[in-house]
Amino acid sequence: MTMRYVRNAWYVASWSQDLPSARPFAITILGEPIVLYRAESGRLVALEDRCVHRLAPLSLGRCEGDRLRCMYHGLLFDGAGQVVEIPGQDLIPAQARVKSYAVIERHSWIWIWMGEASCADPALIPPAVGLDHPDYILGHGQLDYAAEARLINDNLLDFSHLSYVHANSFGSSESWARTRPKVTTLARGVRVERWLPGEADGRTGGREKVDRWATYDFLVPGVLLMTGGNFAPGTAERCGDGPPDLARASGGVTFTSQAVTPMAAGTARYFFSWGPHRDHGDGALRDLLMGVAGQAFEEDRVMIEAQQRVIGATSSPRVMPTTADKAVILFNRLVDRLARQESGEEGPVVAPVAALA
């Protein structure tokens, strides 16, 4: 199975709070080793994690102001990746430089543009919700997978698995598997919307029923932004199966931002946040939700890593799509098209996130 990824996109490299000042941080994205650091001035720097001298990792180096010194033989790099000092040597070759990456801090995440830095467009950063957002009380975490990012993306694009993979954690009914959502193509992703009428209300131990609304955008390169809530029975029908007014929800209004970052071949890092709207919960509910999420996301990891092992042991593996795969197919077609354009197989198409509305 060929698994292609877009390079002209912003990938999540780290939670903002996990990058302290003046301390190099190593991350591999799309097979490229990167050293990331917050300079003394506050500036974010992302460089190729490979010294030009003897290829030692710069992530084992030392921050000096806005610069980074390799701690093998002392070469000093500026924030653009240029060597500015070689101890004991006056002449510095012009080619003594490493690749630099465009990097931006937004929504509590640090994003790195994996294409040409000169083409980096901040308007293409998906509109996630940061941990400091005034409307939500969010917890956060991350998981490393021994699996391709593409498989995690596919999992997030098809929620029919909730009925089975997450029967013990989320307690999801079979409605997730037996109904089909509305899927809309966006400029750089897909939108998935669904009503689940007559679901058991967990707040009453299932004694009462609610109409549950869930919607998310899944955006290039692999970012899920999801909200939803519970409504009085009959709301789905009154809305004509269209979007409700979340302000009228009876409860259960939450938001989650999730991002999938491909690292080396067959490995990925999964970032996630989740929590209630301030009008529908508090820190205690956030902690409860995060406890459930921890169990559920581990259920995903076990299944997807097992899937990866089967794929690796299968000669010429092929999948058989079902009608639940509409969002998976549309998103993967988009990624393949953008990847072909980047390789020159088609003309370039870049749409700003503003076009996603």
Protein backbone atom coordinates (compact mmCIF):
# COMPACT_ATOMS: atom_id res chain seq x y z
CA MET A 1 0.00 0.00 0.00
CA THR A 2 1.49 3.31 -1.08
CA MET A 3 1.01 5.96 1.60
CA ARG A 4 1.71 9.46 0.33
CA TYR A 5 1.86 12.64 2.37
CA VAL A 6 1.65 16.32 1.52
CA ARG A 7 4.79 18.38 2.12
CA ASN A 8 3.31 21.84 1.57
CA ALA A 9 1.44 21.78 4.85
CA TRP A 10 1.87 22.59 8.54
CA TYR A 11 2.62 19.61 10.77
CA VAL A 12 2.35 19.66 14.56
CA ALA A 13 5.80 19.15 16.07
CA SER A 14 5.12 19.72 19.76
CA TRP A 15 2.85 21.16 22.39
CA SER A 16 3.96 24.74 23.10
CA GLN A 17 4.44 24.04 26.79
CA ASP A 18 6.74 21.10 26.02
CA LEU A 19 9.34 23.35 24.40
CA PRO A 20 11.22 25.17 27.16
CA SER A 21 13.48 28.11 26.39
CA ALA A 22 17.05 27.45 25.29
CA ARG A 23 16.77 23.67 25.13
CA PRO A 24 17.01 21.75 21.82
CA PHE A 25 14.14 19.38 21.03
CA ALA A 26 14.41 16.55 18.50
CA ILE A 27 11.55 15.46 16.25
CA THR A 28 11.44 13.52 12.98
CA ILE A 29 8.73 14.50 10.49
CA LEU A 30 8.29 12.81 7.11
CA GLY A 31 11.59 11.05 7.68
CA GLU A 32 13.52 14.30 8.17
CA PRO A 33 15.32 14.76 11.53
CA ILE A 34 14.64 18.26 12.89
CA VAL A 35 15.98 20.16 15.88
CA LEU A 36 13.58 22.70 17.32
CA TYR A 37 14.41 25.33 19.93
CA ARG A 38 13.08 28.50 21.48
CA ALA A 39 15.83 31.11 21.28
CA GLU A 40 16.70 33.57 24.03
CA SER A 41 14.78 36.28 22.14
CA GLY A 42 11.70 34.03 22.11
CA ARG A 43 12.08 33.27 18.43
CA LEU A 44 11.31 29.71 17.34
CA VAL A 45 13.95 27.99 15.21
CA ALA A 46 13.70 24.68 13.34
CA LEU A 47 16.79 23.28 11.61
CA GLU A 48 17.96 20.05 10.05
CA ASP A 49 19.19 17.93 12.96
CA ARG A 50 22.51 17.08 11.37
CA CYS A 51 25.78 19.01 11.72
CA VAL A 52 27.60 19.70 8.45
CA HIS A 53 30.94 18.61 9.92
CA ARG A 54 30.56 14.98 11.05
CA LEU A 55 26.76 14.66 10.96
CA ALA A 56 26.30 14.69 14.72
CA PRO A 57 22.75 15.57 15.88
CA LEU A 58 22.38 19.26 16.68
CA SER A 59 19.62 18.30 19.13
CA LEU A 60 22.48 17.28 21.45
CA GLY A 61 23.82 20.81 21.14
CA ARG A 62 23.72 23.91 23.34
CA CYS A 63 21.63 27.04 22.81
CA GLU A 64 23.64 30.27 22.93
CA GLY A 65 21.35 33.25 22.63
CA ASP A 66 19.55 32.82 19.30
CA ARG A 67 22.19 30.38 18.04
CA LEU A 68 22.86 26.67 18.45
CA ARG A 69 26.28 25.13 19.02
CA CYS A 70 27.07 21.56 18.02
CA MET A 71 28.55 19.92 21.09
CA TYR A 72 30.70 17.50 19.12
CA HIS A 73 33.29 19.88 17.62
CA GLY A 74 31.78 23.26 18.46
CA LEU A 75 30.42 24.58 15.17
CA LEU A 76 27.96 27.41 15.84
CA PHE A 77 24.79 27.80 13.74
CA ASP A 78 22.55 30.84 13.46
CA GLY A 79 18.75 30.66 13.27
CA ALA A 80 18.84 30.42 9.48
CA GLY A 81 21.06 27.32 9.63
CA GLN A 82 24.29 29.06 8.57
CA VAL A 83 27.53 28.17 10.34
CA VAL A 84 28.87 31.41 11.87
CA GLU A 85 31.80 30.00 13.82
CA ILE A 86 34.22 27.08 13.50
CA PRO A 87 36.52 26.96 16.52
CA GLY A 88 40.17 27.40 15.44
CA GLN A 89 39.24 28.21 11.82
CA ASP A 90 38.73 31.68 10.37
CA LEU A 91 37.38 30.74 6.94
CA ILE A 92 33.80 29.50 6.95
CA PRO A 93 32.70 27.86 3.68
CA ALA A 94 29.57 29.37 2.15
CA GLN A 95 28.03 25.90 1.89
CA ALA A 96 28.43 25.37 5.64
CA ARG A 97 24.74 25.48 6.42
CA VAL A 98 21.83 23.20 7.18
CA LYS A 99 18.22 23.34 6.04
CA SER A 100 15.92 25.63 8.00
CA TYR A 101 12.16 25.25 8.31
CA ALA A 102 9.34 27.75 8.71
CA VAL A 103 7.89 27.37 12.21
CA ILE A 104 4.93 29.03 13.94
CA GLU A 105 3.39 28.75 17.40
CA ARG A 106 -0.42 28.80 17.37
CA HIS A 107 -3.34 27.07 19.18
CA SER A 108 -0.94 25.71 21.85
CA TRP A 109 0.92 23.76 19.15
CA ILE A 110 4.20 24.37 17.36
CA TRP A 111 3.74 23.88 13.62
CA ILE A 112 6.49 23.18 11.08
CA TRP A 113 6.07 23.65 7.33
CA MET A 114 7.66 20.67 5.60
CA GLY A 115 7.77 22.14 2.10
CA GLU A 116 9.98 24.96 0.88
CA ALA A 117 10.18 27.54 3.66
CA SER A 118 9.66 30.38 1.18
CA CYS A 119 6.23 28.95 0.29
CA ALA A 120 5.02 28.66 3.90
CA ASP A 121 1.59 30.28 4.25
CA PRO A 122 0.31 30.87 7.82
CA ALA A 123 -3.23 31.01 6.41
CA LEU A 124 -2.99 27.25 5.86
CA ILE A 125 -2.64 26.46 9.57
CA PRO A 126 -5.82 24.59 10.57
CA PRO A 127 -7.99 26.62 13.00
CA ALA A 128 -7.53 24.39 16.04
CA VAL A 129 -8.60 25.34 19.57
CA GLY A 130 -5.75 26.01 21.98
CA LEU A 131 -5.61 25.05 25.64
CA ASP A 132 -6.13 28.70 26.61
CA HIS A 133 -9.34 29.13 24.60
CA PRO A 134 -11.86 31.00 26.80
CA ASP A 135 -14.85 28.85 25.81
CA TYR A 136 -13.46 25.42 26.60
CA ILE A 137 -11.76 23.61 29.50
CA LEU A 138 -9.32 21.29 27.76
CA GLY A 139 -7.03 18.49 28.76
CA HIS A 140 -4.32 17.29 26.41
CA GLY A 141 -1.90 14.47 25.64
CA GLN A 142 -0.04 12.58 22.93
CA LEU A 143 0.73 9.01 21.86
CA ASP A 144 3.44 7.50 19.69
CA TYR A 145 2.38 4.81 17.20
CA ALA A 146 4.35 2.06 15.52
CA ALA A 147 2.15 2.62 12.48
CA GLU A 148 1.79 4.88 9.47
CA ALA A 149 0.08 8.21 10.06
CA ARG A 150 -2.20 7.43 7.12
CA LEU A 151 -3.76 4.55 9.07
CA ILE A 152 -4.51 6.84 12.02
CA ASN A 153 -6.04 9.38 9.64
CA ASP A 154 -8.25 6.67 8.15
CA ASN A 155 -9.37 5.69 11.65
CA LEU A 156 -10.38 9.27 12.44
CA LEU A 157 -12.23 9.64 9.14
CA ASP A 158 -14.49 6.64 9.74
CA PHE A 159 -16.24 6.66 13.11
CA SER A 160 -18.14 3.44 12.41
CA HIS A 161 -15.36 1.80 14.45
CA LEU A 162 -16.61 3.52 17.63
CA SER A 163 -19.30 0.85 18.04
CA TYR A 164 -16.72 -1.91 18.34
CA VAL A 165 -13.24 -0.59 19.21
CA HIS A 166 -14.65 1.74 21.87
CA ALA A 167 -17.55 -0.30 23.24
CA ASN A 168 -15.80 -0.46 26.63
CA SER A 169 -14.48 3.12 26.85
CA PHE A 170 -16.94 5.48 25.16
CA GLY A 171 -19.75 2.94 25.43
CA SER A 172 -20.74 3.83 21.86
CA SER A 173 -23.94 2.33 20.52
CA GLU A 174 -24.16 0.49 17.21
CA SER A 175 -25.77 3.60 15.71
CA TRP A 176 -22.27 4.81 14.83
CA ALA A 177 -21.76 1.73 12.65
CA ARG A 178 -25.25 1.46 11.22
CA THR A 179 -25.81 5.10 10.17
CA ARG A 180 -23.94 7.10 7.57
CA PRO A 181 -22.89 10.72 8.11
CA LYS A 182 -23.13 13.60 5.69
CA VAL A 183 -19.69 14.13 4.12
CA THR A 184 -18.79 17.40 2.38
CA THR A 185 -15.61 18.08 0.44
CA LEU A 186 -13.67 21.16 1.58
CA ALA A 187 -10.80 22.97 -0.13
CA ARG A 188 -8.22 21.21 2.07
CA GLY A 189 -10.18 18.49 3.78
CA VAL A 190 -13.61 17.02 4.44
CA ARG A 191 -16.46 17.84 6.81
CA VAL A 192 -18.32 14.98 8.51
CA GLU A 193 -21.72 15.65 10.15
CA ARG A 194 -24.22 13.31 11.73
CA TRP A 195 -27.21 13.07 14.02
CA LEU A 196 -27.69 10.08 16.30
CA PRO A 197 -31.33 10.41 17.45
CA GLY A 198 -32.65 8.58 20.46
CA GLU A 199 -29.29 7.85 22.08
CA ALA A 200 -29.10 6.97 25.77
CA ASP A 201 -28.27 9.98 27.95
CA GLY A 202 -25.31 9.01 30.10
CA ARG A 203 -26.15 11.69 32.66
CA THR A 204 -29.33 9.78 33.60
CA GLY A 205 -27.78 6.33 33.43
CA GLY A 206 -29.49 5.79 30.08
CA ARG A 207 -33.00 6.24 31.49
CA GLU A 208 -33.66 9.20 29.18
CA LYS A 209 -32.93 9.71 25.50
CA VAL A 210 -31.25 12.56 23.61
CA ASP A 211 -30.54 13.44 20.00
CA ARG A 212 -26.76 13.56 19.67
CA TRP A 213 -25.07 15.87 17.14
CA ALA A 214 -21.43 15.48 16.11
CA THR A 215 -19.48 17.30 13.43
CA TYR A 216 -15.82 17.59 12.55
CA ASP A 217 -13.52 18.93 9.88
CA PHE A 218 -10.56 16.76 8.95
CA LEU A 219 -7.94 18.94 7.32
CA VAL A 220 -4.62 18.52 5.53
CA PRO A 221 -2.19 17.21 6.61
CA GLY A 222 -4.15 15.25 9.29
CA VAL A 223 -5.93 17.51 11.78
CA LEU A 224 -9.34 16.78 13.29
CA LEU A 225 -11.46 19.61 14.77
CA MET A 226 -14.65 18.26 16.30
CA THR A 227 -17.56 19.57 18.33
CA GLY A 228 -21.06 18.45 19.16
CA GLY A 229 -23.66 18.15 21.89
CA ASN A 230 -26.83 16.54 23.18
CA PHE A 231 -30.29 17.90 22.36
CA ALA A 232 -33.89 17.25 23.31
CA PRO A 233 -35.53 14.36 21.45
CA GLY A 234 -36.99 15.51 18.15
CA THR A 235 -34.27 18.13 17.53
CA ALA A 236 -32.69 16.16 14.67
CA GLU A 237 -36.03 16.02 12.86
CA ARG A 238 -36.75 19.70 13.48
CA CYS A 239 -33.33 20.59 12.07
CA GLY A 240 -33.99 18.54 8.96
CA ASP A 241 -30.85 16.59 9.86
CA GLY A 242 -28.90 19.84 9.42
CA PRO A 243 -26.65 21.61 11.97
CA PRO A 244 -28.30 22.69 15.23
CA ASP A 245 -27.71 25.80 17.31
CA LEU A 246 -25.18 24.57 19.89
CA ALA A 247 -26.38 27.26 22.28
CA ARG A 248 -29.61 25.26 22.60
CA ALA A 249 -27.87 22.02 23.57
CA SER A 250 -29.10 20.34 26.73
CA GLY A 251 -25.57 19.24 27.57
CA GLY A 252 -22.53 17.35 26.37
CA VAL A 253 -21.03 20.21 24.35
CA THR A 254 -17.33 19.43 23.95
CA PHE A 255 -14.48 20.22 21.60
CA THR A 256 -11.47 18.18 20.54
CA SER A 257 -8.44 19.13 18.46
CA GLN A 258 -6.36 16.20 17.22
CA ALA A 259 -3.31 16.09 14.96
CA VAL A 260 -1.43 13.21 13.37
CA THR A 261 2.24 13.71 12.47
CA PRO A 262 4.11 11.13 10.35
CA MET A 263 7.62 10.65 11.72
CA ALA A 264 9.97 7.99 10.33
CA ALA A 265 8.55 5.25 8.09
CA GLY A 266 5.92 3.28 9.98
CA THR A 267 5.84 5.61 12.98
CA ALA A 268 3.64 8.55 13.90
CA ARG A 269 2.83 10.87 16.79
CA TYR A 270 -0.77 11.61 17.74
CA PHE A 271 -1.59 14.84 19.59
CA PHE A 272 -5.00 15.39 21.18
CA SER A 273 -7.00 17.72 23.42
CA TRP A 274 -10.57 17.33 24.68
CA GLY A 275 -12.87 18.99 27.13
CA PRO A 276 -16.28 20.54 27.80
CA HIS A 277 -17.63 23.95 26.91
CA ARG A 278 -17.56 26.16 30.02
CA ASP A 279 -21.36 26.31 29.96
CA HIS A 280 -21.56 22.51 30.12
CA GLY A 281 -18.77 21.36 32.40
CA ASP A 282 -15.80 22.11 34.57
CA GLY A 283 -12.30 20.86 35.37
CA ALA A 284 -13.66 17.72 37.01
CA LEU A 285 -15.59 16.80 33.86
CA ARG A 286 -12.51 17.54 31.76
CA ASP A 287 -10.47 15.14 33.87
CA LEU A 288 -13.18 12.48 33.59
CA LEU A 289 -13.31 12.88 29.82
CA MET A 290 -9.53 12.71 29.53
CA GLY A 291 -9.51 9.51 31.56
CA VAL A 292 -11.99 7.96 29.15
CA ALA A 293 -10.04 9.37 26.19
CA GLY A 294 -6.84 7.81 27.47
CA GLN A 295 -8.49 4.39 27.46
CA ALA A 296 -10.13 4.95 24.07
CA PHE A 297 -7.03 6.24 22.31
CA GLU A 298 -5.05 3.29 23.64
CA GLU A 299 -7.74 1.01 22.16
CA ASP A 300 -7.16 2.75 18.82
CA ARG A 301 -3.40 2.36 19.11
CA VAL A 302 -3.59 -1.37 19.82
CA MET A 303 -5.88 -1.95 16.83
CA ILE A 304 -3.96 0.26 14.37
CA GLU A 305 -0.54 -1.11 15.30
CA ALA A 306 -1.92 -4.62 14.80
CA GLN A 307 -3.32 -3.51 11.44
CA GLN A 308 0.12 -2.17 10.49
CA ARG A 309 1.73 -5.51 11.32
CA VAL A 310 -0.76 -7.35 9.12
CA ILE A 311 -0.15 -4.93 6.26
CA GLY A 312 3.60 -5.38 6.63
CA ALA A 313 3.23 -9.16 6.47
CA THR A 314 0.90 -9.10 3.44
CA SER A 315 2.18 -9.24 -0.13
CA SER A 316 0.54 -6.46 -2.21
CA PRO A 317 -2.06 -5.57 0.44
CA ARG A 318 -5.38 -4.18 -0.78
CA VAL A 319 -8.40 -2.86 1.09
CA MET A 320 -12.05 -3.41 0.24
CA PRO A 321 -13.97 -0.16 0.87
CA THR A 322 -17.46 -0.08 2.38
CA THR A 323 -20.04 2.69 2.29
CA ALA A 324 -18.64 3.93 5.62
CA ASP A 325 -15.41 4.89 3.84
CA LYS A 326 -16.67 7.94 1.94
CA ALA A 327 -14.70 10.47 4.01
CA VAL A 328 -11.62 8.22 3.97
CA ILE A 329 -11.70 7.95 0.18
CA LEU A 330 -12.33 11.66 -0.43
CA PHE A 331 -9.58 12.78 1.95
CA ASN A 332 -7.02 10.32 0.61
CA ARG A 333 -7.82 11.35 -2.96
CA LEU A 334 -7.20 14.96 -1.95
CA VAL A 335 -3.87 14.10 -0.33
CA ASP A 336 -2.79 12.06 -3.35
CA ARG A 337 -3.75 14.91 -5.70
CA LEU A 338 -1.85 17.50 -3.67
CA ALA A 339 1.18 15.20 -3.43
CA ARG A 340 1.14 14.71 -7.22
CA GLN A 341 0.96 18.45 -7.74
CA GLU A 342 3.98 18.94 -5.48
CA SER A 343 5.95 16.42 -7.50
CA GLY A 344 5.08 18.23 -10.71
CA GLU A 345 2.60 15.67 -11.97
CA GLU A 346 -0.16 18.33 -11.94
CA GLY A 347 -0.37 22.10 -11.71
CA PRO A 348 -0.23 23.60 -8.18
CA VAL A 349 -3.39 24.24 -6.21
CA VAL A 350 -3.16 25.90 -2.78
CA ALA A 351 -6.34 27.03 -1.03
CA PRO A 352 -6.24 29.03 2.22
CA VAL A 353 -8.03 27.71 5.28
CA ALA A 354 -10.46 30.63 5.00
CA ALA A 355 -11.94 28.78 2.01
CA LEU A 356 -12.94 25.91 4.27
CA ALA A 357 -15.92 27.70 5.77
